[in-house]
Amino acid sequence: MELIISIEMLESFLEETSNGEYQHKGMFHLFKDILMLGYLNQESHKITLTKEGLEAELDEDVQQYIEETVKRWK
């Protein structure tokens, strides 16, 4: 499986589904799992995260952002 998706989009979806009018536990966890799989970059799948149009694999700033985000979630 290969998926390319924007970090900003996933974070926006997480914010929208975490509470308020569009709160939805299932969707929140789905978006969170997709984001975490992209951060962890497992061999059985490939999720390429982008931020501001830049791919994490190619941009050091995006890689740094991912590392800092993973640390916050642990």
Protein backbone atom coordinates (compact mmCIF):
# COMPACT_ATOMS: atom_id res chain seq x y z
CA MET A 1 0.00 0.00 0.00
CA GLU A 2 1.25 3.47 -0.81
CA LEU A 3 -0.41 6.68 0.34
CA ILE A 4 0.75 10.27 0.01
CA ILE A 5 -1.08 12.70 2.29
CA SER A 6 -0.46 16.12 3.80
CA ILE A 7 0.44 16.37 7.50
CA GLU A 8 -1.52 19.62 7.66
CA MET A 9 -4.61 17.91 6.29
CA LEU A 10 -4.39 15.03 8.75
CA GLU A 11 -3.79 17.42 11.67
CA SER A 12 -6.79 19.46 10.57
CA PHE A 13 -8.92 16.31 10.42
CA LEU A 14 -7.67 15.33 13.89
CA GLU A 15 -8.61 18.72 15.30
CA GLU A 16 -12.06 18.68 13.68
CA THR A 17 -12.92 15.16 14.83
CA SER A 18 -11.49 15.42 18.36
CA ASN A 19 -14.36 17.55 19.71
CA GLY A 20 -17.12 19.95 18.78
CA GLU A 21 -19.64 19.69 15.97
CA TYR A 22 -17.69 17.08 13.98
CA GLN A 23 -16.46 15.00 16.93
CA HIS A 24 -16.14 11.36 15.89
CA LYS A 25 -14.02 8.89 17.86
CA GLY A 26 -13.66 6.42 15.01
CA MET A 27 -12.57 8.97 12.43
CA PHE A 28 -10.24 10.66 14.93
CA HIS A 29 -8.41 7.38 15.58
CA LEU A 30 -8.32 6.50 11.90
CA PHE A 31 -6.64 9.81 11.05
CA LYS A 32 -4.30 9.49 14.04
CA ASP A 33 -3.32 5.94 13.00
CA ILE A 34 -2.61 7.03 9.43
CA LEU A 35 -0.45 9.87 10.72
CA MET A 36 1.44 7.60 13.13
CA LEU A 37 2.02 4.98 10.42
CA GLY A 38 3.49 7.72 8.27
CA TYR A 39 5.70 8.87 11.12
CA LEU A 40 6.89 5.36 11.89
CA ASN A 41 7.39 4.43 8.20
CA GLN A 42 6.93 0.65 8.53
CA GLU A 43 8.25 -1.66 5.82
CA SER A 44 4.87 -3.28 5.13
CA HIS A 45 3.40 -0.03 3.85
CA LYS A 46 4.53 3.31 2.59
CA ILE A 47 2.84 6.47 3.77
CA THR A 48 4.64 9.55 2.54
CA LEU A 49 3.74 12.56 4.63
CA THR A 50 3.96 16.03 3.13
CA LYS A 51 4.03 19.40 4.83
CA GLU A 52 3.51 22.57 2.81
CA GLY A 53 3.93 20.50 -0.34
CA LEU A 54 7.30 19.07 0.71
CA GLU A 55 7.79 15.32 1.16
CA ALA A 56 9.19 14.19 4.49
CA GLU A 57 11.69 11.90 2.79
CA LEU A 58 13.20 14.83 0.90
CA ASP A 59 13.04 17.75 3.34
CA GLU A 60 15.02 18.00 6.60
CA ASP A 61 12.61 20.53 8.15
CA VAL A 62 9.68 18.17 7.64
CA GLN A 63 11.73 15.30 9.08
CA GLN A 64 12.50 17.43 12.15
CA TYR A 65 8.82 18.33 12.54
CA ILE A 66 7.91 14.62 12.46
CA GLU A 67 10.56 13.73 15.05
CA GLU A 68 9.31 16.46 17.41
CA THR A 69 5.68 15.42 16.96
CA VAL A 70 6.43 11.77 17.68
CA LYS A 71 8.21 12.79 20.90
CA ARG A 72 5.11 14.76 22.02
CA TRP A 73 2.83 11.78 21.39
CA LYS A 74 4.93 9.24 23.32
